[in-house]
Amino acid sequence: MTRLSPRLLIPVGAALLVIVVWLAALWGPQSSALSKAKKRADAAVQQRDALQDQLTRLKSSKRDEPLKRSQLETLRVAVPDDPNLAQFILDANDAASRSGIDFLSITPTPPSSTAAPGAPSGGGGGGTAPVPVRLAISITGGYFQVLDFVNRLDRLPRIVVVDNLSLTSAAAGQLTAAVTARMFVSAARPVAGSSATSGAAGGTTTTSTTAPGATTTSVVGR
């Protein structure tokens, strides 16, 4: 085996030291640059993932837009901007006719044009609470007819909340039901018109069924 002369070890060691120092000087900045580049790449990947999630949510929102519009329209009909008492009276009259109710009386109390002190005002925005339209309803008919009418009242496009229902016996096995209920509007506004067909505020709308499918309606103002 050939052994290096001690005289050669010094130059070889010096050369190795120079190489090590050179490599350290060369690799140090490159390592720092690579580390910074890796951090930038990681940040870019995170930003890409965030943008991808945002894009997915936007696509999902756009896909659900027709459903949300339909739900908003359903809510608008359930709690409209206007009391629209005439339409409610027509709907209630139709429900009574289909249920076989013999007598129907509705006394609506629309909200005043001025909201109560401290109550939120304005339309459906801003988190304002709906304004109630109070209803006093009297119906006469058989037990199942009264029950069917109440169920139909609950299925109307307008939200109708029944607060109280009391039953009393009438002639020939008939029942008279006194119902206190509420429906709602998005804001307190005066009722459009004061004619009989509009269900004037404080008036009593009476619908009596005289024969299947035939009804007569009259309004008695206070």
N, C-alpha and C. Protein backbone atom coordinates (compact mmCIF):
# COMPACT_ATOMS: atom_id res chain seq x y z
N MET A 1 0.87 -1.19 0.00
CA MET A 1 0.00 0.00 0.00
C MET A 1 0.90 1.24 0.00
N THR A 2 0.53 2.19 -0.85
CA THR A 2 1.32 3.42 -0.96
C THR A 2 0.86 4.40 0.09
N ARG A 3 1.77 4.94 0.83
CA ARG A 3 1.44 5.91 1.86
C ARG A 3 1.92 7.28 1.41
N LEU A 4 1.05 8.29 1.70
CA LEU A 4 1.40 9.65 1.33
C LEU A 4 2.51 10.16 2.25
N SER A 5 3.32 10.91 1.66
CA SER A 5 4.42 11.50 2.43
C SER A 5 3.84 12.59 3.32
N PRO A 6 4.31 12.74 4.52
CA PRO A 6 3.83 13.81 5.40
C PRO A 6 3.93 15.18 4.76
N ARG A 7 4.87 15.35 3.87
CA ARG A 7 4.98 16.65 3.20
C ARG A 7 3.79 16.93 2.28
N LEU A 8 3.20 15.83 1.76
CA LEU A 8 2.04 16.03 0.87
C LEU A 8 0.74 16.22 1.63
N LEU A 9 0.71 15.80 2.89
CA LEU A 9 -0.54 15.91 3.65
C LEU A 9 -0.93 17.36 3.87
N ILE A 10 0.01 18.20 4.06
CA ILE A 10 -0.31 19.62 4.33
C ILE A 10 -0.97 20.28 3.12
N PRO A 11 -0.36 20.15 1.90
CA PRO A 11 -1.04 20.75 0.75
C PRO A 11 -2.41 20.13 0.46
N VAL A 12 -2.50 18.81 0.64
CA VAL A 12 -3.80 18.15 0.39
C VAL A 12 -4.84 18.66 1.38
N GLY A 13 -4.45 18.76 2.65
CA GLY A 13 -5.38 19.26 3.67
C GLY A 13 -5.80 20.68 3.38
N ALA A 14 -4.84 21.50 2.95
CA ALA A 14 -5.16 22.88 2.62
C ALA A 14 -6.12 22.96 1.44
N ALA A 15 -5.87 22.07 0.45
CA ALA A 15 -6.77 22.06 -0.72
C ALA A 15 -8.18 21.65 -0.32
N LEU A 16 -8.28 20.64 0.55
CA LEU A 16 -9.60 20.20 1.01
C LEU A 16 -10.31 21.31 1.79
N LEU A 17 -9.55 22.03 2.60
CA LEU A 17 -10.14 23.12 3.36
C LEU A 17 -10.66 24.22 2.45
N VAL A 18 -9.87 24.51 1.40
CA VAL A 18 -10.31 25.52 0.43
C VAL A 18 -11.60 25.09 -0.26
N ILE A 19 -11.64 23.80 -0.62
CA ILE A 19 -12.84 23.28 -1.29
C ILE A 19 -14.06 23.39 -0.38
N VAL A 20 -13.86 23.02 0.89
CA VAL A 20 -14.98 23.08 1.85
C VAL A 20 -15.46 24.53 2.02
N VAL A 21 -14.51 25.46 2.19
CA VAL A 21 -14.89 26.87 2.34
C VAL A 21 -15.59 27.37 1.09
N TRP A 22 -15.09 26.94 -0.08
CA TRP A 22 -15.71 27.37 -1.35
C TRP A 22 -17.13 26.85 -1.47
N LEU A 23 -17.29 25.56 -1.11
CA LEU A 23 -18.64 24.98 -1.18
C LEU A 23 -19.60 25.67 -0.22
N ALA A 24 -19.09 25.97 0.99
CA ALA A 24 -19.94 26.65 1.97
C ALA A 24 -20.33 28.03 1.48
N ALA A 25 -19.36 28.75 0.90
CA ALA A 25 -19.66 30.09 0.39
C ALA A 25 -20.62 30.03 -0.79
N LEU A 26 -20.49 28.99 -1.58
CA LEU A 26 -21.36 28.86 -2.76
C LEU A 26 -22.74 28.35 -2.39
N TRP A 27 -22.83 27.38 -1.48
CA TRP A 27 -24.10 26.75 -1.16
C TRP A 27 -24.96 27.58 -0.20
N GLY A 28 -24.34 28.37 0.65
CA GLY A 28 -25.09 29.17 1.62
C GLY A 28 -26.13 30.07 0.99
N PRO A 29 -25.75 30.98 0.08
CA PRO A 29 -26.75 31.85 -0.55
C PRO A 29 -27.79 31.06 -1.35
N GLN A 30 -27.33 29.99 -2.04
CA GLN A 30 -28.28 29.20 -2.82
C GLN A 30 -29.28 28.51 -1.91
N SER A 31 -28.81 28.03 -0.75
CA SER A 31 -29.73 27.38 0.19
C SER A 31 -30.76 28.37 0.71
N SER A 32 -30.31 29.60 1.00
CA SER A 32 -31.24 30.63 1.47
C SER A 32 -32.25 30.98 0.37
N ALA A 33 -31.75 31.08 -0.87
CA ALA A 33 -32.65 31.39 -1.98
C ALA A 33 -33.66 30.27 -2.20
N LEU A 34 -33.17 29.02 -2.07
CA LEU A 34 -34.09 27.89 -2.22
C LEU A 34 -35.15 27.87 -1.13
N SER A 35 -34.74 28.21 0.10
CA SER A 35 -35.69 28.24 1.21
C SER A 35 -36.77 29.30 0.98
N LYS A 36 -36.33 30.50 0.52
CA LYS A 36 -37.29 31.56 0.24
C LYS A 36 -38.21 31.17 -0.92
N ALA A 37 -37.64 30.52 -1.94
CA ALA A 37 -38.46 30.09 -3.07
C ALA A 37 -39.49 29.06 -2.64
N LYS A 38 -39.08 28.16 -1.73
CA LYS A 38 -40.01 27.15 -1.23
C LYS A 38 -41.15 27.80 -0.45
N LYS A 39 -40.81 28.82 0.36
CA LYS A 39 -41.85 29.53 1.10
C LYS A 39 -42.82 30.22 0.15
N ARG A 40 -42.28 30.85 -0.89
CA ARG A 40 -43.15 31.50 -1.87
C ARG A 40 -44.04 30.50 -2.58
N ALA A 41 -43.47 29.33 -2.89
CA ALA A 41 -44.25 28.28 -3.56
C ALA A 41 -45.37 27.79 -2.64
N ASP A 42 -45.06 27.62 -1.34
CA ASP A 42 -46.08 27.18 -0.39
C ASP A 42 -47.19 28.23 -0.26
N ALA A 43 -46.80 29.51 -0.22
CA ALA A 43 -47.79 30.58 -0.14
C ALA A 43 -48.66 30.61 -1.39
N ALA A 44 -48.05 30.39 -2.54
CA ALA A 44 -48.81 30.37 -3.79
C ALA A 44 -49.80 29.22 -3.82
N VAL A 45 -49.38 28.06 -3.29
CA VAL A 45 -50.28 26.90 -3.24
C VAL A 45 -51.46 27.18 -2.32
N GLN A 46 -51.21 27.81 -1.15
CA GLN A 46 -52.28 28.15 -0.24
C GLN A 46 -53.25 29.15 -0.86
N GLN A 47 -52.69 30.15 -1.56
CA GLN A 47 -53.53 31.14 -2.22
C GLN A 47 -54.37 30.49 -3.32
N ARG A 48 -53.74 29.56 -4.07
CA ARG A 48 -54.48 28.85 -5.11
C ARG A 48 -55.63 28.04 -4.51
N ASP A 49 -55.36 27.35 -3.38
CA ASP A 49 -56.41 26.56 -2.74
C ASP A 49 -57.55 27.46 -2.23
N ALA A 50 -57.19 28.63 -1.68
CA ALA A 50 -58.21 29.55 -1.19
C ALA A 50 -59.08 30.06 -2.34
N LEU A 51 -58.41 30.42 -3.45
CA LEU A 51 -59.16 30.88 -4.62
C LEU A 51 -60.04 29.78 -5.19
N GLN A 52 -59.54 28.54 -5.15
CA GLN A 52 -60.33 27.42 -5.64
C GLN A 52 -61.57 27.21 -4.78
N ASP A 53 -61.39 27.33 -3.45
CA ASP A 53 -62.55 27.21 -2.55
C ASP A 53 -63.55 28.32 -2.80
N GLN A 54 -63.05 29.54 -3.00
CA GLN A 54 -63.93 30.67 -3.27
C GLN A 54 -64.69 30.46 -4.58
N LEU A 55 -64.00 29.97 -5.59
CA LEU A 55 -64.64 29.70 -6.87
C LEU A 55 -65.71 28.63 -6.73
N THR A 56 -65.42 27.60 -5.94
CA THR A 56 -66.40 26.53 -5.72
C THR A 56 -67.64 27.08 -5.03
N ARG A 57 -67.44 27.96 -4.02
CA ARG A 57 -68.58 28.55 -3.31
C ARG A 57 -69.40 29.44 -4.25
N LEU A 58 -68.71 30.19 -5.11
CA LEU A 58 -69.43 31.04 -6.05
C LEU A 58 -70.26 30.21 -7.03
N LYS A 59 -69.66 29.13 -7.51
CA LYS A 59 -70.40 28.25 -8.42
C LYS A 59 -71.60 27.64 -7.73
N SER A 60 -71.42 27.21 -6.46
CA SER A 60 -72.52 26.63 -5.70
C SER A 60 -73.61 27.66 -5.46
N SER A 61 -73.21 28.90 -5.14
CA SER A 61 -74.19 29.97 -4.91
C SER A 61 -74.97 30.27 -6.18
N LYS A 62 -74.27 30.28 -7.32
CA LYS A 62 -74.95 30.54 -8.59
C LYS A 62 -75.90 29.40 -8.93
N ARG A 63 -75.49 28.17 -8.61
CA ARG A 63 -76.34 27.01 -8.88
C ARG A 63 -77.60 27.03 -8.01
N ASP A 64 -77.46 27.55 -6.76
CA ASP A 64 -78.60 27.59 -5.84
C ASP A 64 -79.43 28.86 -5.99
N GLU A 65 -79.02 29.77 -6.89
CA GLU A 65 -79.72 31.04 -7.01
C GLU A 65 -81.20 30.88 -7.36
N PRO A 66 -81.57 30.01 -8.31
CA PRO A 66 -83.02 29.86 -8.59
C PRO A 66 -83.81 29.41 -7.37
N LEU A 67 -83.24 28.49 -6.57
CA LEU A 67 -83.93 28.03 -5.37
C LEU A 67 -84.08 29.17 -4.37
N LYS A 68 -83.02 29.97 -4.20
CA LYS A 68 -83.09 31.08 -3.26
C LYS A 68 -84.09 32.13 -3.72
N ARG A 69 -84.14 32.36 -5.03
CA ARG A 69 -85.12 33.31 -5.55
C ARG A 69 -86.55 32.81 -5.31
N SER A 70 -86.74 31.50 -5.49
CA SER A 70 -88.06 30.91 -5.24
C SER A 70 -88.44 31.03 -3.77
N GLN A 71 -87.47 30.76 -2.88
CA GLN A 71 -87.74 30.88 -1.46
C GLN A 71 -88.04 32.33 -1.07
N LEU A 72 -87.33 33.28 -1.69
CA LEU A 72 -87.55 34.69 -1.41
C LEU A 72 -88.94 35.11 -1.87
N GLU A 73 -89.37 34.60 -3.04
CA GLU A 73 -90.70 34.93 -3.54
C GLU A 73 -91.78 34.33 -2.64
N THR A 74 -91.54 33.09 -2.17
CA THR A 74 -92.50 32.46 -1.24
C THR A 74 -92.62 33.29 0.03
N LEU A 75 -91.48 33.78 0.54
CA LEU A 75 -91.50 34.61 1.74
C LEU A 75 -92.20 35.93 1.47
N ARG A 76 -91.99 36.49 0.28
CA ARG A 76 -92.64 37.77 -0.06
C ARG A 76 -94.16 37.62 -0.10
N VAL A 77 -94.64 36.46 -0.59
CA VAL A 77 -96.07 36.21 -0.62
C VAL A 77 -96.60 35.94 0.79
N ALA A 78 -95.80 35.22 1.60
CA ALA A 78 -96.24 34.88 2.95
C ALA A 78 -96.30 36.12 3.85
N VAL A 79 -95.33 37.03 3.67
CA VAL A 79 -95.30 38.28 4.43
C VAL A 79 -95.13 39.42 3.43
N PRO A 80 -96.22 39.89 2.82
CA PRO A 80 -96.10 40.89 1.75
C PRO A 80 -95.85 42.29 2.31
N ASP A 81 -95.67 43.24 1.39
CA ASP A 81 -95.47 44.63 1.78
C ASP A 81 -96.79 45.31 2.13
N ASP A 82 -97.88 44.82 1.57
CA ASP A 82 -99.19 45.44 1.73
C ASP A 82 -100.13 44.46 2.42
N PRO A 83 -101.03 44.93 3.30
CA PRO A 83 -101.97 44.00 3.96
C PRO A 83 -102.79 43.17 2.99
N ASN A 84 -103.18 43.77 1.84
CA ASN A 84 -103.90 43.03 0.80
C ASN A 84 -105.05 42.22 1.39
N LEU A 85 -105.91 42.90 2.16
CA LEU A 85 -107.01 42.21 2.84
C LEU A 85 -108.01 41.62 1.86
N ALA A 86 -108.21 42.28 0.72
CA ALA A 86 -109.19 41.79 -0.25
C ALA A 86 -108.84 40.38 -0.71
N GLN A 87 -107.54 40.15 -1.02
CA GLN A 87 -107.12 38.84 -1.49
C GLN A 87 -107.25 37.80 -0.38
N PHE A 88 -106.90 38.19 0.85
CA PHE A 88 -107.04 37.24 1.96
C PHE A 88 -108.49 36.85 2.17
N ILE A 89 -109.39 37.82 2.08
CA ILE A 89 -110.81 37.53 2.27
C ILE A 89 -111.31 36.58 1.18
N LEU A 90 -110.86 36.81 -0.05
CA LEU A 90 -111.24 35.90 -1.14
C LEU A 90 -110.71 34.49 -0.89
N ASP A 91 -109.46 34.39 -0.44
CA ASP A 91 -108.87 33.07 -0.16
C ASP A 91 -109.59 32.38 0.99
N ALA A 92 -109.91 33.15 2.05
CA ALA A 92 -110.62 32.56 3.18
C ALA A 92 -112.03 32.14 2.78
N ASN A 93 -112.67 32.92 1.94
CA ASN A 93 -114.01 32.58 1.45
C ASN A 93 -113.97 31.30 0.63
N ASP A 94 -112.94 31.16 -0.20
CA ASP A 94 -112.80 29.95 -1.01
C ASP A 94 -112.56 28.73 -0.11
N ALA A 95 -111.72 28.91 0.93
CA ALA A 95 -111.48 27.81 1.87
C ALA A 95 -112.75 27.41 2.59
N ALA A 96 -113.55 28.40 2.96
CA ALA A 96 -114.82 28.11 3.64
C ALA A 96 -115.77 27.36 2.73
N SER A 97 -115.85 27.78 1.46
CA SER A 97 -116.74 27.11 0.50
C SER A 97 -116.31 25.66 0.28
N ARG A 98 -114.99 25.44 0.14
CA ARG A 98 -114.50 24.09 -0.09
C ARG A 98 -114.68 23.19 1.14
N SER A 99 -114.67 23.81 2.32
CA SER A 99 -114.83 23.03 3.55
C SER A 99 -116.29 22.76 3.89
N GLY A 100 -117.21 23.46 3.22
CA GLY A 100 -118.63 23.29 3.54
C GLY A 100 -119.07 24.11 4.74
N ILE A 101 -118.34 25.17 5.04
CA ILE A 101 -118.71 26.05 6.15
C ILE A 101 -119.99 26.81 5.79
N ASP A 102 -120.93 26.90 6.77
CA ASP A 102 -122.20 27.59 6.52
C ASP A 102 -122.11 29.09 6.71
N PHE A 103 -121.23 29.52 7.59
CA PHE A 103 -121.17 30.96 7.90
C PHE A 103 -119.72 31.33 8.21
N LEU A 104 -119.29 32.45 7.65
CA LEU A 104 -117.93 32.93 7.87
C LEU A 104 -117.96 34.43 8.07
N SER A 105 -117.39 34.89 9.16
CA SER A 105 -117.30 36.32 9.45
C SER A 105 -115.85 36.66 9.78
N ILE A 106 -115.30 37.67 9.10
CA ILE A 106 -113.90 38.09 9.32
C ILE A 106 -113.87 39.56 9.69
N THR A 107 -113.25 39.87 10.80
CA THR A 107 -113.04 41.25 11.21
C THR A 107 -111.54 41.52 11.27
N PRO A 108 -110.98 42.12 10.22
CA PRO A 108 -109.53 42.39 10.23
C PRO A 108 -109.22 43.72 10.91
N THR A 109 -108.09 43.81 11.55
CA THR A 109 -107.60 45.06 12.13
C THR A 109 -106.22 45.32 11.55
N PRO A 110 -106.17 46.03 10.42
CA PRO A 110 -104.87 46.27 9.77
C PRO A 110 -103.99 47.16 10.63
N PRO A 111 -102.68 47.12 10.41
CA PRO A 111 -101.78 48.02 11.15
C PRO A 111 -102.00 49.45 10.74
N SER A 112 -101.78 50.36 11.67
CA SER A 112 -101.89 51.78 11.33
C SER A 112 -100.71 52.18 10.46
N SER A 113 -100.84 53.33 9.82
CA SER A 113 -99.77 53.79 8.92
C SER A 113 -98.53 54.24 9.69
N THR A 114 -98.69 54.44 11.01
CA THR A 114 -97.55 54.85 11.84
C THR A 114 -97.21 53.73 12.79
N ALA A 115 -95.96 53.31 12.78
CA ALA A 115 -95.54 52.23 13.67
C ALA A 115 -95.57 52.69 15.10
N ALA A 116 -95.72 51.77 16.02
CA ALA A 116 -95.73 52.09 17.43
C ALA A 116 -94.39 52.67 17.85
N PRO A 117 -94.40 53.56 18.89
CA PRO A 117 -93.13 54.15 19.33
C PRO A 117 -92.12 53.07 19.73
N GLY A 118 -90.91 53.24 19.24
CA GLY A 118 -89.86 52.28 19.57
C GLY A 118 -89.83 51.08 18.67
N ALA A 119 -90.86 50.91 17.82
CA ALA A 119 -90.89 49.75 16.93
C ALA A 119 -90.06 50.05 15.71
N PRO A 120 -89.41 49.06 15.12
CA PRO A 120 -88.63 49.28 13.90
C PRO A 120 -89.55 49.69 12.77
N SER A 121 -89.07 50.54 11.89
CA SER A 121 -89.86 50.97 10.75
C SER A 121 -89.13 50.64 9.49
N GLY A 122 -89.85 50.75 8.37
CA GLY A 122 -89.21 50.46 7.09
C GLY A 122 -89.66 49.15 6.53
N GLY A 123 -89.12 48.82 5.34
CA GLY A 123 -89.51 47.61 4.63
C GLY A 123 -88.89 46.38 5.21
N GLY A 124 -88.73 45.35 4.33
CA GLY A 124 -88.27 44.06 4.80
C GLY A 124 -86.79 44.01 5.11
N GLY A 125 -86.02 45.08 4.89
CA GLY A 125 -84.58 45.02 5.14
C GLY A 125 -84.24 45.49 6.53
N GLY A 126 -82.96 45.37 6.88
CA GLY A 126 -82.47 45.90 8.13
C GLY A 126 -82.90 45.12 9.35
N GLY A 127 -83.43 43.90 9.18
CA GLY A 127 -83.80 43.09 10.32
C GLY A 127 -85.05 43.56 11.03
N THR A 128 -85.92 44.36 10.39
CA THR A 128 -87.13 44.84 11.02
C THR A 128 -88.11 43.69 11.20
N ALA A 129 -88.89 43.76 12.29
CA ALA A 129 -89.84 42.70 12.59
C ALA A 129 -91.11 42.89 11.76
N PRO A 130 -91.76 41.80 11.33
CA PRO A 130 -93.03 41.92 10.61
C PRO A 130 -94.10 42.56 11.50
N VAL A 131 -95.03 43.25 10.87
CA VAL A 131 -96.12 43.92 11.59
C VAL A 131 -97.37 43.06 11.50
N PRO A 132 -98.02 42.76 12.64
CA PRO A 132 -99.18 41.86 12.60
C PRO A 132 -100.45 42.56 12.12
N VAL A 133 -101.26 41.81 11.39
CA VAL A 133 -102.63 42.19 11.04
C VAL A 133 -103.54 41.25 11.82
N ARG A 134 -104.24 41.77 12.80
CA ARG A 134 -105.04 40.93 13.68
C ARG A 134 -106.37 40.59 13.03
N LEU A 135 -106.81 39.35 13.25
CA LEU A 135 -108.02 38.83 12.62
C LEU A 135 -108.93 38.23 13.69
N ALA A 136 -110.21 38.58 13.61
CA ALA A 136 -111.24 37.92 14.42
C ALA A 136 -112.16 37.19 13.43
N ILE A 137 -112.16 35.87 13.51
CA ILE A 137 -112.89 35.05 12.54
C ILE A 137 -113.93 34.23 13.29
N SER A 138 -115.14 34.24 12.76
CA SER A 138 -116.21 33.42 13.32
C SER A 138 -116.73 32.51 12.22
N ILE A 139 -116.84 31.22 12.51
CA ILE A 139 -117.32 30.26 11.51
C ILE A 139 -118.35 29.33 12.15
N THR A 140 -119.28 28.89 11.33
CA THR A 140 -120.30 27.95 11.78
C THR A 140 -120.36 26.79 10.80
N GLY A 141 -120.34 25.56 11.34
CA GLY A 141 -120.41 24.38 10.50
C GLY A 141 -120.25 23.13 11.35
N GLY A 142 -120.22 21.99 10.71
CA GLY A 142 -119.99 20.74 11.41
C GLY A 142 -118.57 20.64 11.92
N TYR A 143 -118.33 19.67 12.81
CA TYR A 143 -117.00 19.52 13.41
C TYR A 143 -115.92 19.33 12.35
N PHE A 144 -116.15 18.40 11.43
CA PHE A 144 -115.15 18.12 10.41
C PHE A 144 -115.00 19.27 9.42
N GLN A 145 -116.10 19.99 9.18
CA GLN A 145 -116.02 21.15 8.29
C GLN A 145 -115.17 22.26 8.93
N VAL A 146 -115.38 22.48 10.22
CA VAL A 146 -114.58 23.49 10.93
C VAL A 146 -113.10 23.09 10.95
N LEU A 147 -112.85 21.81 11.23
CA LEU A 147 -111.46 21.33 11.25
C LEU A 147 -110.81 21.48 9.89
N ASP A 148 -111.55 21.15 8.83
CA ASP A 148 -111.01 21.26 7.48
C ASP A 148 -110.72 22.71 7.13
N PHE A 149 -111.59 23.61 7.55
CA PHE A 149 -111.37 25.03 7.26
C PHE A 149 -110.11 25.54 7.95
N VAL A 150 -109.91 25.16 9.22
CA VAL A 150 -108.71 25.59 9.94
C VAL A 150 -107.45 25.05 9.26
N ASN A 151 -107.51 23.81 8.80
CA ASN A 151 -106.36 23.24 8.09
C ASN A 151 -106.09 23.98 6.78
N ARG A 152 -107.17 24.32 6.06
CA ARG A 152 -106.99 25.07 4.82
C ARG A 152 -106.46 26.47 5.10
N LEU A 153 -106.89 27.07 6.21
CA LEU A 153 -106.39 28.38 6.60
C LEU A 153 -104.88 28.32 6.83
N ASP A 154 -104.43 27.22 7.43
CA ASP A 154 -103.00 27.04 7.70
C ASP A 154 -102.20 26.85 6.42
N ARG A 155 -102.85 26.37 5.35
CA ARG A 155 -102.13 26.11 4.10
C ARG A 155 -102.20 27.27 3.11
N LEU A 156 -102.79 28.38 3.50
CA LEU A 156 -102.85 29.53 2.60
C LEU A 156 -101.45 30.08 2.33
N PRO A 157 -101.25 30.73 1.18
CA PRO A 157 -99.94 31.32 0.89
C PRO A 157 -99.50 32.32 1.96
N ARG A 158 -100.45 33.07 2.52
CA ARG A 158 -100.13 33.99 3.61
C ARG A 158 -99.89 33.20 4.89
N ILE A 159 -98.93 33.64 5.68
CA ILE A 159 -98.72 33.05 7.00
C ILE A 159 -99.83 33.51 7.92
N VAL A 160 -100.60 32.57 8.45
CA VAL A 160 -101.68 32.87 9.38
C VAL A 160 -101.40 32.10 10.68
N VAL A 161 -101.24 32.83 11.76
CA VAL A 161 -100.98 32.22 13.07
C VAL A 161 -102.27 32.26 13.88
N VAL A 162 -102.77 31.09 14.25
CA VAL A 162 -103.97 31.01 15.07
C VAL A 162 -103.56 31.11 16.53
N ASP A 163 -104.00 32.17 17.21
CA ASP A 163 -103.66 32.36 18.62
C ASP A 163 -104.65 31.68 19.56
N ASN A 164 -105.90 31.63 19.16
CA ASN A 164 -106.91 31.04 20.04
C ASN A 164 -108.09 30.55 19.20
N LEU A 165 -108.66 29.43 19.63
CA LEU A 165 -109.85 28.88 18.95
C LEU A 165 -110.77 28.32 20.04
N SER A 166 -111.99 28.81 20.05
CA SER A 166 -112.97 28.32 21.02
C SER A 166 -114.21 27.83 20.28
N LEU A 167 -114.78 26.72 20.76
CA LEU A 167 -115.92 26.09 20.11
C LEU A 167 -117.13 26.14 21.04
N THR A 168 -118.28 26.44 20.45
CA THR A 168 -119.55 26.39 21.17
C THR A 168 -120.56 25.66 20.30
N SER A 169 -121.51 25.00 20.95
CA SER A 169 -122.53 24.26 20.22
C SER A 169 -123.55 25.21 19.61
N ALA A 170 -123.98 24.86 18.41
CA ALA A 170 -125.04 25.61 17.73
C ALA A 170 -126.20 24.65 17.45
N ALA A 171 -127.20 25.13 16.76
CA ALA A 171 -128.37 24.31 16.49
C ALA A 171 -128.03 23.18 15.53
N ALA A 172 -128.79 22.10 15.62
CA ALA A 172 -128.73 20.98 14.69
C ALA A 172 -127.32 20.38 14.60
N GLY A 173 -126.67 20.26 15.76
CA GLY A 173 -125.35 19.63 15.78
C GLY A 173 -124.25 20.46 15.16
N GLN A 174 -124.50 21.72 14.88
CA GLN A 174 -123.48 22.59 14.32
C GLN A 174 -122.62 23.18 15.43
N LEU A 175 -121.43 23.62 15.05
CA LEU A 175 -120.51 24.27 15.98
C LEU A 175 -120.21 25.68 15.49
N THR A 176 -120.04 26.58 16.43
CA THR A 176 -119.58 27.92 16.12
C THR A 176 -118.18 28.07 16.70
N ALA A 177 -117.24 28.41 15.85
CA ALA A 177 -115.85 28.56 16.26
C ALA A 177 -115.46 30.03 16.20
N ALA A 178 -114.92 30.52 17.31
CA ALA A 178 -114.39 31.88 17.35
C ALA A 178 -112.87 31.79 17.31
N VAL A 179 -112.27 32.36 16.28
CA VAL A 179 -110.83 32.25 16.05
C VAL A 179 -110.20 33.63 16.12
N THR A 180 -109.17 33.76 16.92
CA THR A 180 -108.33 34.96 16.88
C THR A 180 -107.00 34.57 16.26
N ALA A 181 -106.59 35.33 15.27
CA ALA A 181 -105.40 34.96 14.51
C ALA A 181 -104.64 36.21 14.08
N ARG A 182 -103.48 35.97 13.51
CA ARG A 182 -102.66 37.06 12.98
C ARG A 182 -102.06 36.65 11.64
N MET A 183 -101.99 37.59 10.73
CA MET A 183 -101.11 37.47 9.58
C MET A 183 -100.20 38.69 9.60
N PHE A 184 -99.27 38.79 8.67
CA PHE A 184 -98.21 39.78 8.83
C PHE A 184 -97.93 40.51 7.52
N VAL A 185 -97.43 41.73 7.68
CA VAL A 185 -96.89 42.51 6.56
C VAL A 185 -95.49 42.95 6.96
N SER A 186 -94.70 43.31 5.96
CA SER A 186 -93.30 43.64 6.24
C SER A 186 -93.15 44.99 6.92
N ALA A 187 -94.16 45.88 6.77
CA ALA A 187 -94.10 47.20 7.39
C ALA A 187 -95.50 47.73 7.56
N ALA A 188 -95.68 48.62 8.53
CA ALA A 188 -97.00 49.23 8.77
C ALA A 188 -97.29 50.25 7.68
N ARG A 189 -98.34 50.00 6.92
CA ARG A 189 -98.75 50.90 5.85
C ARG A 189 -100.26 51.01 5.85
N PRO A 190 -100.81 52.14 5.40
CA PRO A 190 -102.26 52.25 5.35
C PRO A 190 -102.84 51.29 4.33
N VAL A 191 -104.07 50.83 4.60
CA VAL A 191 -104.73 49.92 3.68
C VAL A 191 -105.13 50.68 2.43
N ALA A 192 -104.83 50.10 1.27
CA ALA A 192 -105.17 50.75 0.00
C ALA A 192 -106.68 50.74 -0.18
N GLY A 193 -107.28 51.93 -0.22
CA GLY A 193 -108.72 52.01 -0.45
C GLY A 193 -109.51 51.74 0.81
N SER A 194 -110.76 52.15 0.79
CA SER A 194 -111.64 51.90 1.93
C SER A 194 -112.98 51.35 1.48
N SER A 195 -113.02 50.78 0.28
CA SER A 195 -114.27 50.26 -0.25
C SER A 195 -114.59 48.93 0.37
N ALA A 196 -115.80 48.44 0.16
CA ALA A 196 -116.21 47.16 0.74
C ALA A 196 -115.36 46.02 0.23
N THR A 197 -114.98 46.09 -1.04
CA THR A 197 -114.22 44.97 -1.60
C THR A 197 -112.80 44.93 -1.09
N SER A 198 -112.31 46.01 -0.49
CA SER A 198 -110.94 46.01 0.00
C SER A 198 -110.86 45.57 1.45
N GLY A 199 -112.01 45.34 2.09
CA GLY A 199 -111.99 44.95 3.49
C GLY A 199 -111.50 46.08 4.35
N ALA A 200 -112.25 47.16 4.44
CA ALA A 200 -111.82 48.37 5.12
C ALA A 200 -111.45 48.10 6.56
N ALA A 201 -110.50 48.89 7.06
CA ALA A 201 -110.03 48.70 8.43
C ALA A 201 -111.18 48.85 9.40
N GLY A 202 -111.32 47.89 10.32
CA GLY A 202 -112.37 47.95 11.31
C GLY A 202 -113.71 47.47 10.80
N GLY A 203 -113.80 47.10 9.52
CA GLY A 203 -115.06 46.61 8.98
C GLY A 203 -115.22 45.13 9.23
N THR A 204 -116.44 44.63 9.15
CA THR A 204 -116.69 43.21 9.32
C THR A 204 -117.12 42.63 8.00
N THR A 205 -116.34 41.71 7.47
CA THR A 205 -116.66 41.05 6.22
C THR A 205 -117.38 39.75 6.54
N THR A 206 -118.60 39.61 6.07
CA THR A 206 -119.40 38.43 6.37
C THR A 206 -119.69 37.68 5.09
N THR A 207 -119.36 36.40 5.08
CA THR A 207 -119.63 35.55 3.94
C THR A 207 -120.49 34.39 4.39
N SER A 208 -121.66 34.24 3.82
CA SER A 208 -122.52 33.13 4.19
C SER A 208 -122.71 32.21 3.00
N THR A 209 -122.55 30.93 3.24
CA THR A 209 -122.73 29.94 2.19
C THR A 209 -124.18 29.51 2.15
N THR A 210 -124.84 29.78 1.04
CA THR A 210 -126.26 29.45 0.93
C THR A 210 -126.49 28.12 0.23
N ALA A 211 -125.52 27.69 -0.56
CA ALA A 211 -125.64 26.40 -1.26
C ALA A 211 -124.24 26.01 -1.69
N PRO A 212 -124.00 24.72 -1.99
CA PRO A 212 -122.66 24.32 -2.41
C PRO A 212 -122.19 25.12 -3.61
N GLY A 213 -121.07 25.80 -3.44
CA GLY A 213 -120.49 26.57 -4.53
C GLY A 213 -121.09 27.94 -4.71
N ALA A 214 -122.13 28.31 -3.94
CA ALA A 214 -122.75 29.63 -4.08
C ALA A 214 -122.57 30.40 -2.79
N THR A 215 -122.02 31.59 -2.86
CA THR A 215 -121.78 32.39 -1.67
C THR A 215 -122.22 33.81 -1.90
N THR A 216 -122.56 34.49 -0.84
CA THR A 216 -122.86 35.92 -0.92
C THR A 216 -121.99 36.62 0.09
N THR A 217 -121.49 37.78 -0.25
CA THR A 217 -120.57 38.51 0.62
C THR A 217 -121.05 39.93 0.82
N SER A 218 -120.99 40.39 2.07
CA SER A 218 -121.34 41.76 2.37
C SER A 218 -120.38 42.28 3.41
N VAL A 219 -120.21 43.61 3.46
CA VAL A 219 -119.32 44.22 4.44
C VAL A 219 -120.10 45.26 5.20
N VAL A 220 -120.01 45.17 6.51
CA VAL A 220 -120.71 46.12 7.37
C VAL A 220 -119.65 46.95 8.07
N GLY A 221 -119.56 48.23 7.75
CA GLY A 221 -118.57 49.08 8.38
C GLY A 221 -119.04 49.53 9.75
N ARG A 222 -118.06 49.85 10.60
CA ARG A 222 -118.39 50.33 11.94
C ARG A 222 -118.75 51.79 11.90
